[in-house]
N, C-alpha and C. Protein backbone atom coordinates (compact mmCIF):
# COMPACT_ATOMS: atom_id res chain seq x y z
N MET A 1 -15.73 12.89 -79.30
CA MET A 1 -15.70 14.30 -78.98
C MET A 1 -16.76 14.59 -77.92
N ASP A 2 -16.35 15.31 -76.86
CA ASP A 2 -17.28 15.71 -75.78
C ASP A 2 -18.16 16.86 -76.25
N LEU A 3 -19.41 16.85 -75.87
CA LEU A 3 -20.31 17.94 -76.15
C LEU A 3 -20.87 18.45 -74.79
N ILE A 4 -20.66 19.74 -74.57
CA ILE A 4 -21.10 20.38 -73.32
C ILE A 4 -22.14 21.43 -73.67
N ASP A 5 -23.25 21.37 -72.99
CA ASP A 5 -24.26 22.44 -73.10
C ASP A 5 -24.02 23.37 -71.91
N PHE A 6 -23.89 24.67 -72.24
CA PHE A 6 -23.68 25.66 -71.25
C PHE A 6 -24.81 26.63 -71.24
N GLU A 7 -25.51 26.76 -70.10
CA GLU A 7 -26.65 27.69 -70.04
C GLU A 7 -26.20 29.04 -69.54
N LEU A 8 -26.51 30.04 -70.36
CA LEU A 8 -26.11 31.46 -69.98
C LEU A 8 -26.93 31.90 -68.80
N ARG A 9 -26.39 32.80 -68.04
CA ARG A 9 -27.09 33.46 -66.93
C ARG A 9 -27.43 34.87 -67.26
N GLY A 10 -26.89 35.40 -68.33
CA GLY A 10 -27.14 36.74 -68.78
C GLY A 10 -27.17 36.78 -70.29
N GLU A 11 -26.86 37.93 -70.85
CA GLU A 11 -26.87 38.04 -72.33
C GLU A 11 -25.71 37.42 -72.99
N HIS A 12 -24.55 37.41 -72.35
CA HIS A 12 -23.33 36.86 -72.95
C HIS A 12 -22.33 36.47 -71.89
N ILE A 13 -21.28 35.81 -72.34
CA ILE A 13 -20.14 35.41 -71.48
C ILE A 13 -18.89 35.61 -72.35
N THR A 14 -17.82 36.06 -71.79
CA THR A 14 -16.60 36.17 -72.54
C THR A 14 -16.01 34.81 -72.87
N LEU A 15 -15.29 34.69 -73.94
CA LEU A 15 -14.80 33.36 -74.38
C LEU A 15 -13.87 32.78 -73.28
N ASP A 16 -12.96 33.58 -72.78
CA ASP A 16 -12.04 33.03 -71.74
C ASP A 16 -12.81 32.54 -70.48
N ALA A 17 -13.82 33.30 -70.11
CA ALA A 17 -14.62 32.90 -68.92
C ALA A 17 -15.43 31.64 -69.23
N LEU A 18 -15.93 31.48 -70.46
CA LEU A 18 -16.63 30.27 -70.85
C LEU A 18 -15.76 28.98 -70.73
N LEU A 19 -14.52 29.15 -71.24
CA LEU A 19 -13.61 28.00 -71.24
C LEU A 19 -13.29 27.60 -69.78
N LYS A 20 -13.15 28.63 -68.90
CA LYS A 20 -12.89 28.31 -67.52
C LYS A 20 -14.11 27.72 -66.84
N ALA A 21 -15.29 28.31 -67.03
CA ALA A 21 -16.52 27.83 -66.40
C ALA A 21 -16.90 26.43 -66.78
N THR A 22 -16.61 26.00 -67.98
CA THR A 22 -16.95 24.67 -68.44
C THR A 22 -15.87 23.66 -68.06
N GLY A 23 -14.75 24.11 -67.53
CA GLY A 23 -13.69 23.21 -67.13
C GLY A 23 -12.75 22.78 -68.28
N VAL A 24 -12.98 23.35 -69.47
CA VAL A 24 -12.12 23.08 -70.55
C VAL A 24 -10.70 23.55 -70.33
N SER A 25 -10.61 24.70 -69.58
CA SER A 25 -9.37 25.28 -69.23
C SER A 25 -9.33 25.39 -67.65
N PRO A 26 -8.17 25.04 -67.02
CA PRO A 26 -8.08 25.06 -65.59
C PRO A 26 -8.09 26.45 -64.95
N SER A 27 -7.78 27.46 -65.76
CA SER A 27 -7.75 28.84 -65.17
C SER A 27 -8.00 29.85 -66.29
N GLY A 28 -8.31 31.08 -65.87
CA GLY A 28 -8.50 32.16 -66.84
C GLY A 28 -7.28 32.41 -67.67
N GLY A 29 -6.10 32.38 -67.05
CA GLY A 29 -4.88 32.59 -67.77
C GLY A 29 -4.62 31.53 -68.82
N ALA A 30 -4.82 30.29 -68.46
CA ALA A 30 -4.71 29.18 -69.37
C ALA A 30 -5.67 29.33 -70.55
N ALA A 31 -6.92 29.77 -70.27
CA ALA A 31 -7.91 29.95 -71.27
C ALA A 31 -7.41 31.02 -72.25
N LYS A 32 -6.94 32.15 -71.75
CA LYS A 32 -6.43 33.25 -72.62
C LYS A 32 -5.28 32.76 -73.48
N ALA A 33 -4.41 31.95 -72.92
CA ALA A 33 -3.28 31.45 -73.71
C ALA A 33 -3.73 30.49 -74.80
N LEU A 34 -4.80 29.70 -74.46
CA LEU A 34 -5.31 28.74 -75.46
C LEU A 34 -5.94 29.51 -76.64
N VAL A 35 -6.65 30.58 -76.32
CA VAL A 35 -7.24 31.34 -77.42
C VAL A 35 -6.13 32.10 -78.20
N ALA A 36 -5.17 32.66 -77.55
CA ALA A 36 -4.09 33.40 -78.22
C ALA A 36 -3.26 32.46 -79.09
N ALA A 37 -3.18 31.17 -78.76
CA ALA A 37 -2.43 30.20 -79.55
C ALA A 37 -3.19 29.68 -80.75
N GLY A 38 -4.49 30.16 -80.91
CA GLY A 38 -5.25 29.77 -82.06
C GLY A 38 -5.96 28.44 -81.90
N GLY A 39 -6.12 27.97 -80.66
CA GLY A 39 -6.71 26.65 -80.38
C GLY A 39 -8.20 26.64 -80.24
N VAL A 40 -8.90 27.78 -80.55
CA VAL A 40 -10.32 27.84 -80.28
C VAL A 40 -11.08 28.33 -81.59
N GLN A 41 -12.19 27.70 -81.81
CA GLN A 41 -13.06 28.18 -82.89
C GLN A 41 -14.43 28.54 -82.34
N VAL A 42 -15.00 29.58 -82.90
CA VAL A 42 -16.40 29.97 -82.57
C VAL A 42 -17.20 29.90 -83.84
N ASP A 43 -18.22 29.09 -83.85
CA ASP A 43 -19.06 28.93 -85.06
C ASP A 43 -18.25 28.55 -86.27
N GLY A 44 -17.25 27.69 -86.11
CA GLY A 44 -16.48 27.15 -87.18
C GLY A 44 -15.34 28.07 -87.66
N ARG A 45 -15.13 29.19 -87.02
CA ARG A 45 -14.05 30.14 -87.44
C ARG A 45 -13.09 30.29 -86.28
N ASP A 46 -11.77 30.38 -86.67
CA ASP A 46 -10.77 30.60 -85.64
C ASP A 46 -11.04 31.94 -84.91
N GLU A 47 -10.89 31.89 -83.66
CA GLU A 47 -11.17 33.10 -82.78
C GLU A 47 -9.96 33.42 -81.98
N LEU A 48 -9.40 34.64 -82.15
CA LEU A 48 -8.16 35.01 -81.42
C LEU A 48 -8.46 36.11 -80.37
N ARG A 49 -9.69 36.57 -80.33
CA ARG A 49 -10.07 37.62 -79.32
C ARG A 49 -10.43 36.87 -77.98
N LYS A 50 -9.64 37.02 -76.95
CA LYS A 50 -9.86 36.33 -75.72
C LYS A 50 -11.11 36.67 -75.02
N THR A 51 -11.56 37.91 -75.14
CA THR A 51 -12.74 38.32 -74.40
C THR A 51 -13.93 38.62 -75.36
N CYS A 52 -13.98 37.95 -76.50
CA CYS A 52 -15.13 38.18 -77.40
C CYS A 52 -16.37 37.65 -76.64
N LYS A 53 -17.47 38.30 -76.98
CA LYS A 53 -18.73 37.94 -76.29
C LYS A 53 -19.38 36.76 -76.99
N ILE A 54 -19.68 35.74 -76.23
CA ILE A 54 -20.32 34.52 -76.69
C ILE A 54 -21.81 34.57 -76.24
N ARG A 55 -22.71 34.36 -77.21
CA ARG A 55 -24.16 34.52 -76.92
C ARG A 55 -24.82 33.15 -77.20
N ALA A 56 -26.05 33.06 -76.76
CA ALA A 56 -26.83 31.86 -76.97
C ALA A 56 -26.93 31.51 -78.41
N GLY A 57 -26.80 30.27 -78.73
CA GLY A 57 -26.84 29.82 -80.13
C GLY A 57 -25.49 29.54 -80.74
N GLN A 58 -24.47 30.03 -80.11
CA GLN A 58 -23.12 29.89 -80.64
C GLN A 58 -22.48 28.59 -80.17
N VAL A 59 -21.58 28.05 -80.96
CA VAL A 59 -20.83 26.84 -80.61
C VAL A 59 -19.35 27.10 -80.61
N VAL A 60 -18.71 26.79 -79.51
CA VAL A 60 -17.30 26.97 -79.32
C VAL A 60 -16.58 25.56 -79.41
N ALA A 61 -15.59 25.51 -80.26
CA ALA A 61 -14.86 24.23 -80.40
C ALA A 61 -13.43 24.39 -79.95
N VAL A 62 -13.01 23.39 -79.17
CA VAL A 62 -11.61 23.27 -78.71
C VAL A 62 -11.27 21.80 -78.97
N THR A 63 -10.03 21.50 -79.23
CA THR A 63 -9.63 20.12 -79.51
C THR A 63 -10.30 19.11 -78.63
N GLY A 64 -11.08 18.28 -79.25
CA GLY A 64 -11.78 17.15 -78.46
C GLY A 64 -13.06 17.59 -77.75
N CYS A 65 -13.48 18.82 -77.88
CA CYS A 65 -14.63 19.33 -77.12
C CYS A 65 -15.40 20.36 -77.92
N ARG A 66 -16.74 20.29 -77.84
CA ARG A 66 -17.61 21.33 -78.39
C ARG A 66 -18.50 21.84 -77.28
N ILE A 67 -18.61 23.15 -77.16
CA ILE A 67 -19.50 23.77 -76.13
C ILE A 67 -20.62 24.43 -76.90
N ARG A 68 -21.80 23.98 -76.62
CA ARG A 68 -23.01 24.64 -77.19
C ARG A 68 -23.62 25.57 -76.15
N VAL A 69 -23.73 26.85 -76.46
CA VAL A 69 -24.21 27.86 -75.51
C VAL A 69 -25.72 28.01 -75.74
N VAL A 70 -26.44 27.84 -74.65
CA VAL A 70 -27.95 27.86 -74.75
C VAL A 70 -28.47 28.97 -73.85
N ALA A 71 -29.65 29.47 -74.24
CA ALA A 71 -30.32 30.53 -73.45
C ALA A 71 -30.81 29.93 -72.15
N PRO A 72 -30.98 30.75 -71.15
CA PRO A 72 -31.54 30.23 -69.86
C PRO A 72 -32.89 29.63 -70.07
N SER A 73 -33.20 28.54 -69.39
CA SER A 73 -34.46 27.90 -69.53
C SER A 73 -35.59 28.77 -69.02
N ALA A 74 -36.73 28.80 -69.72
CA ALA A 74 -37.83 29.69 -69.34
C ALA A 74 -38.43 29.17 -68.00
N GLY A 75 -38.46 27.87 -67.81
CA GLY A 75 -39.02 27.33 -66.57
C GLY A 75 -38.30 27.78 -65.37
N GLY A 76 -36.95 27.87 -65.44
CA GLY A 76 -36.13 28.28 -64.30
C GLY A 76 -36.42 29.82 -64.00
N ALA A 77 -36.56 30.63 -65.04
CA ALA A 77 -36.75 32.02 -64.82
C ALA A 77 -38.07 32.26 -64.15
N SER A 78 -39.15 31.56 -64.61
CA SER A 78 -40.47 31.85 -64.03
C SER A 78 -40.56 31.27 -62.62
N ALA A 79 -39.88 30.19 -62.33
CA ALA A 79 -39.89 29.63 -61.02
C ALA A 79 -39.18 30.64 -60.04
N ALA A 80 -38.10 31.28 -60.50
CA ALA A 80 -37.38 32.21 -59.65
C ALA A 80 -38.26 33.45 -59.41
N GLN A 81 -38.99 33.85 -60.40
CA GLN A 81 -39.86 35.04 -60.27
C GLN A 81 -41.00 34.75 -59.29
N ALA A 82 -41.43 33.46 -59.23
CA ALA A 82 -42.54 33.14 -58.34
C ALA A 82 -42.19 33.11 -56.87
N LEU A 83 -40.88 33.06 -56.58
CA LEU A 83 -40.45 32.99 -55.17
C LEU A 83 -40.76 34.33 -54.45
N PRO A 84 -41.13 34.29 -53.22
CA PRO A 84 -41.40 35.53 -52.54
C PRO A 84 -40.18 36.41 -52.27
């Protein structure tokens, strides 16, 4: 099983956008269809809401793949703030 770590850029990402951004789904439409078909779990529970908000600490599972959503690294944020 593949494990993907996905670093958030904000507070949350929608489920369909996460599947597309990680390459699990080739398009947003395909991601929505996958969710609607019941092929996605969030934190071990079936998820049928295509645009549910996924936040840091959650795990999304699709057949053969798990996506662990992590908060932005503190080092990257401080480095960006230090730029002129």
